[in-house]
Amino acid sequence: LSSPSGLTHESHKKDVEQVYLRCSEGSIEWMYPTGALIVNLRPNTSPASYKHLTVCIKPFKDSAGANIYLEKTGELKLLVRDGDRSPSKVYCFGYDQGGLFIEATPQQDISRKITGFQYELMSKGVASDLHTVSAPCRPCSDTEVLLAVCTSDFVIRGSIQDVTNEAEEQESIIHVGVNKLYRQKSKVFQLTGETGNWRGQIKTPLECGVKPGDGDFLFTGRMHFGEARLGCAPRFKDFQRMYKEAKDKGLNPCEIGPD
């Protein structure tokens, strides 16, 4: 194999490097991939809790030069094929299903290739409660809404200012005007200079067909790869009703001012 950049050396073709990551989220960028890379995720938690973890990876848009496999006891299962172009696609697996084995594909000029992805570790409960996973457009039950208020990364009362549809990424971006901010884990919703109002963006699958509408909603959801993902979003007046009913019966899972 020859390369005008001189970065490809036959002697290194079979090299396998190991990388150990302690953080619960981050990214990997492998420049000029040759040989293989074993990625060991070792979060700073008790090994006993590993079986309760889910790992998700999201390849960079221009990632190229290697195949990404799930590896367990020497068996490889292809996760992301080199050259796959699926914008915004996220691949998730149980922590106990194996680790990541990244193998460079033969290239004429590796100097043009960078393999990279973001990763997140989360508890299996959190991963499955993105009720978006199995039925992203299904309305939430009263119980699910009340639980979402307690456990979501963000909880806001607001209105839909606009919706932008991204056909290539199969996503809708909901532009939200915030009337009340109950909680946010990251600074997704911020004060805008011109108007002095709080605004932010929430993503949801295009298939859900979200459209701008009148009235206030209670938006809940989770942060996923630095983006706000929509969870339960009832009309605010419906949330007020279900919150009052649960509070009167002493069944509300946590306190939040509904007004």
Protein backbone atom coordinates (compact mmCIF):
# COMPACT_ATOMS: atom_id res chain seq x y z
CA LEU A 1 0.00 0.00 0.00
CA SER A 2 1.42 3.39 -0.91
CA SER A 3 0.34 6.87 0.05
CA PRO A 4 1.57 10.27 -1.04
CA SER A 5 1.36 11.40 2.57
CA GLY A 6 3.72 8.70 3.73
CA LEU A 7 1.44 7.91 6.67
CA THR A 8 0.79 4.29 5.70
CA HIS A 9 3.39 1.77 6.81
CA GLU A 10 2.98 -1.92 6.09
CA SER A 11 4.59 -2.83 9.42
CA HIS A 12 1.79 -1.08 11.35
CA LYS A 13 -1.12 -2.57 9.43
CA LYS A 14 -1.88 -5.16 12.10
CA ASP A 15 -1.24 -2.99 15.15
CA VAL A 16 -4.01 -3.02 17.76
CA GLU A 17 -4.13 -0.17 20.27
CA GLN A 18 -6.20 -0.04 23.46
CA VAL A 19 -7.93 3.07 24.74
CA TYR A 20 -9.47 3.36 28.22
CA LEU A 21 -12.21 5.92 28.82
CA ARG A 22 -13.38 6.87 32.33
CA CYS A 23 -15.97 9.51 31.45
CA SER A 24 -19.68 8.80 31.11
CA GLU A 25 -19.83 10.83 27.89
CA GLY A 26 -17.40 12.22 25.38
CA SER A 27 -16.04 11.61 21.91
CA ILE A 28 -13.31 9.70 20.12
CA GLU A 29 -11.48 10.93 17.04
CA TRP A 30 -9.06 8.51 15.36
CA MET A 31 -6.97 10.30 12.78
CA TYR A 32 -5.41 8.41 9.87
CA PRO A 33 -6.72 5.00 11.02
CA THR A 34 -4.54 1.92 10.44
CA GLY A 35 -4.74 -1.42 12.21
CA ALA A 36 -7.36 -1.52 14.96
CA LEU A 37 -8.46 0.25 18.10
CA ILE A 38 -10.08 -1.39 21.13
CA VAL A 39 -12.17 1.08 23.14
CA ASN A 40 -12.62 0.11 26.78
CA LEU A 41 -15.30 2.09 28.60
CA ARG A 42 -14.52 2.02 32.31
CA PRO A 43 -16.83 4.50 34.05
CA ASN A 44 -16.04 5.56 37.61
CA THR A 45 -18.86 3.50 39.07
CA SER A 46 -19.00 0.17 40.85
CA PRO A 47 -18.46 -2.80 38.46
CA ALA A 48 -21.64 -4.26 39.95
CA SER A 49 -23.61 -1.46 38.26
CA TYR A 50 -22.13 -2.14 34.79
CA LYS A 51 -24.96 -4.55 33.92
CA HIS A 52 -27.44 -1.70 34.33
CA LEU A 53 -25.70 0.54 31.77
CA THR A 54 -26.54 1.24 28.15
CA VAL A 55 -23.89 2.56 25.74
CA CYS A 56 -24.90 4.75 22.79
CA ILE A 57 -22.62 6.00 20.01
CA LYS A 58 -23.32 8.60 17.34
CA PRO A 59 -20.78 8.67 14.46
CA PHE A 60 -19.57 12.05 13.24
CA LYS A 61 -21.18 13.12 9.97
CA ASP A 62 -17.91 12.80 8.03
CA SER A 63 -16.53 9.76 9.90
CA ALA A 64 -14.66 7.43 7.51
CA GLY A 65 -11.83 4.95 7.30
CA ALA A 66 -12.93 2.16 9.66
CA ASN A 67 -15.65 -0.32 10.55
CA ILE A 68 -16.98 -0.25 14.12
CA TYR A 69 -17.81 -3.59 15.73
CA LEU A 70 -19.27 -4.79 19.01
CA GLU A 71 -16.78 -7.32 20.40
CA LYS A 72 -17.32 -9.93 23.09
CA THR A 73 -14.98 -12.84 23.80
CA GLY A 74 -13.47 -12.64 20.33
CA GLU A 75 -16.77 -12.50 18.42
CA LEU A 76 -17.39 -9.43 16.27
CA LYS A 77 -20.78 -7.98 15.38
CA LEU A 78 -20.77 -5.15 12.81
CA LEU A 79 -22.26 -1.98 14.29
CA VAL A 80 -21.30 0.77 11.80
CA ARG A 81 -19.95 -0.01 8.33
CA ASP A 82 -17.33 2.33 6.86
CA GLY A 83 -19.05 4.66 4.41
CA ASP A 84 -22.53 4.37 5.97
CA ARG A 85 -24.14 7.78 5.70
CA SER A 86 -27.01 7.89 8.15
CA PRO A 87 -27.06 11.39 9.63
CA SER A 88 -27.98 11.54 13.30
CA LYS A 89 -28.22 7.74 13.59
CA VAL A 90 -27.50 6.50 17.11
CA TYR A 91 -26.41 2.94 17.90
CA CYS A 92 -27.12 1.61 21.42
CA PHE A 93 -26.25 -1.63 23.20
CA GLY A 94 -26.07 -2.97 26.73
CA TYR A 95 -22.71 -2.46 28.45
CA ASP A 96 -22.56 -6.21 29.12
CA GLN A 97 -23.01 -7.01 25.40
CA GLY A 98 -19.36 -6.22 24.72
CA GLY A 99 -16.87 -3.47 23.93
CA LEU A 100 -16.02 -1.50 20.81
CA PHE A 101 -13.52 -2.82 18.25
CA ILE A 102 -12.69 -0.33 15.51
CA GLU A 103 -10.86 -1.76 12.50
CA ALA A 104 -9.37 0.42 9.78
CA THR A 105 -10.37 -0.44 6.23
CA PRO A 106 -7.69 -0.58 3.49
CA GLN A 107 -7.16 2.91 2.07
CA GLN A 108 -5.06 4.35 -0.74
CA ASP A 109 -4.62 7.58 1.23
CA ILE A 110 -5.36 7.44 4.95
CA SER A 111 -4.39 11.08 5.41
CA ARG A 112 -7.86 12.03 4.26
CA LYS A 113 -9.65 9.77 6.76
CA ILE A 114 -10.80 10.45 10.32
CA THR A 115 -13.00 7.99 12.21
CA GLY A 116 -14.94 9.51 15.06
CA PHE A 117 -18.05 9.34 17.19
CA GLN A 118 -19.67 10.70 20.32
CA TYR A 119 -20.53 8.26 23.09
CA GLU A 120 -22.81 8.27 26.13
CA LEU A 121 -23.32 5.87 29.00
CA MET A 122 -26.67 5.91 30.75
CA SER A 123 -28.67 3.69 33.03
CA LYS A 124 -30.96 1.25 31.21
CA GLY A 125 -33.95 2.81 32.97
CA VAL A 126 -33.11 6.24 31.55
CA ALA A 127 -32.46 4.82 28.09
CA SER A 128 -35.80 3.02 27.92
CA ASP A 129 -37.70 5.91 29.44
CA LEU A 130 -36.83 8.09 26.40
CA HIS A 131 -40.30 6.69 25.55
CA THR A 132 -39.22 7.85 22.16
CA VAL A 133 -37.26 4.61 21.62
CA SER A 134 -40.08 2.16 20.99
CA ALA A 135 -42.95 4.50 20.09
CA PRO A 136 -41.63 8.03 19.56
CA CYS A 137 -44.96 9.61 18.62
CA ARG A 138 -47.27 7.90 21.11
CA PRO A 139 -49.00 10.32 23.53
CA CYS A 140 -47.97 9.81 27.16
CA SER A 141 -50.40 8.56 29.79
CA ASP A 142 -51.10 10.72 32.86
CA THR A 143 -48.73 8.56 34.92
CA GLU A 144 -45.94 8.90 32.34
CA VAL A 145 -46.35 12.68 32.25
CA LEU A 146 -46.18 13.01 36.05
CA LEU A 147 -43.11 10.77 36.16
CA ALA A 148 -41.48 12.71 33.31
CA VAL A 149 -41.87 15.92 35.31
CA CYS A 150 -39.78 14.37 38.10
CA THR A 151 -37.10 12.64 36.04
CA SER A 152 -36.58 14.68 32.85
CA ASP A 153 -33.45 16.70 32.09
CA PHE A 154 -35.64 19.66 31.19
CA VAL A 155 -39.18 20.69 32.14
CA ILE A 156 -40.63 23.90 30.72
CA ARG A 157 -43.93 25.59 30.05
CA GLY A 158 -43.88 27.13 26.61
CA SER A 159 -45.37 27.54 23.16
CA ILE A 160 -44.32 26.37 19.70
CA GLN A 161 -43.02 29.37 17.78
CA ASP A 162 -42.02 27.45 14.67
CA VAL A 163 -41.09 23.97 13.44
CA THR A 164 -38.21 23.29 11.05
CA ASN A 165 -38.18 19.92 9.28
CA GLU A 166 -34.80 18.38 8.40
CA ALA A 167 -35.61 15.75 5.76
CA GLU A 168 -32.04 14.46 5.46
CA GLU A 169 -31.73 13.86 9.18
CA GLN A 170 -35.38 12.74 9.55
CA GLU A 171 -35.81 15.20 12.41
CA SER A 172 -38.10 18.08 13.31
CA ILE A 173 -36.70 21.01 15.30
CA ILE A 174 -39.30 22.64 17.55
CA HIS A 175 -38.51 26.30 18.25
CA VAL A 176 -39.93 26.93 21.71
CA GLY A 177 -40.79 30.19 23.44
CA VAL A 178 -40.46 29.61 27.19
CA ASN A 179 -43.02 31.02 29.62
CA LYS A 180 -41.69 29.22 32.70
CA LEU A 181 -38.51 27.24 33.21
CA TYR A 182 -38.91 24.58 35.88
CA ARG A 183 -35.64 22.72 35.25
CA GLN A 184 -32.89 22.28 32.72
CA LYS A 185 -29.75 20.14 32.97
CA SER A 186 -27.87 21.99 30.21
CA LYS A 187 -28.27 25.55 29.02
CA VAL A 188 -30.40 24.67 26.00
CA PHE A 189 -32.99 27.33 26.86
CA GLN A 190 -31.47 30.80 27.10
CA LEU A 191 -32.43 34.44 27.26
CA THR A 192 -32.34 36.06 23.82
CA GLY A 193 -30.81 39.50 23.65
CA GLU A 194 -33.29 41.22 21.32
CA THR A 195 -36.52 40.36 23.11
CA GLY A 196 -35.40 39.37 26.59
CA ASN A 197 -37.43 36.15 26.24
CA TRP A 198 -36.27 32.61 26.96
CA ARG A 199 -36.02 30.43 23.86
CA GLY A 200 -34.65 27.06 22.85
CA GLN A 201 -34.88 24.15 20.45
CA ILE A 202 -36.13 20.61 20.99
CA LYS A 203 -35.68 17.77 18.50
CA THR A 204 -38.13 14.99 17.72
CA PRO A 205 -38.48 12.46 14.87
CA LEU A 206 -39.87 13.86 11.61
CA GLU A 207 -42.44 11.05 11.47
CA CYS A 208 -44.27 12.57 14.45
CA GLY A 209 -45.45 15.42 12.20
CA VAL A 210 -45.17 18.20 14.82
CA LYS A 211 -46.71 21.46 13.61
CA PRO A 212 -46.89 24.97 15.10
CA GLY A 213 -50.02 25.42 17.21
CA ASP A 214 -51.66 27.79 19.63
CA GLY A 215 -51.56 27.49 23.38
CA ASP A 216 -49.02 26.40 25.98
CA PHE A 217 -47.52 22.95 26.42
CA LEU A 218 -45.50 21.32 29.16
CA PHE A 219 -42.33 20.18 27.36
CA THR A 220 -40.26 17.46 29.03
CA GLY A 221 -37.40 15.38 27.72
CA ARG A 222 -33.76 14.37 27.95
CA MET A 223 -30.42 15.63 26.78
CA HIS A 224 -28.93 13.26 24.23
CA PHE A 225 -25.57 13.99 22.61
CA GLY A 226 -25.85 17.63 23.58
CA GLU A 227 -29.35 18.05 22.11
CA ALA A 228 -32.73 18.36 23.82
CA ARG A 229 -34.91 15.39 22.79
CA LEU A 230 -38.67 15.59 23.31
CA GLY A 231 -40.29 13.24 25.79
CA CYS A 232 -43.85 13.89 27.02
CA ALA A 233 -45.46 17.16 25.93
CA PRO A 234 -49.09 17.48 27.01
CA ARG A 235 -51.06 20.69 26.63
CA PHE A 236 -50.45 22.72 29.77
CA LYS A 237 -54.11 22.80 30.77
CA ASP A 238 -54.18 18.96 30.60
CA PHE A 239 -51.05 18.80 32.77
CA GLN A 240 -52.70 21.14 35.33
CA ARG A 241 -55.72 18.82 35.48
CA MET A 242 -53.70 15.59 35.93
CA TYR A 243 -51.36 17.22 38.46
CA LYS A 244 -54.27 18.48 40.57
CA GLU A 245 -56.02 15.11 40.46
CA ALA A 246 -52.86 13.29 41.55
CA LYS A 247 -52.11 15.84 44.29
CA ASP A 248 -55.65 15.60 45.68
CA LYS A 249 -55.16 11.82 45.96
CA GLY A 250 -51.62 12.16 47.31
CA LEU A 251 -50.29 10.29 44.28
CA ASN A 252 -48.11 12.91 42.60
CA PRO A 253 -44.53 11.51 42.50
CA CYS A 254 -42.90 14.91 43.07
CA GLU A 255 -43.84 18.53 43.77
CA ILE A 256 -43.79 21.14 41.04
CA GLY A 257 -45.71 24.38 40.83
CA PRO A 258 -48.23 23.79 38.01
CA ASP A 259 -49.14 27.46 37.56
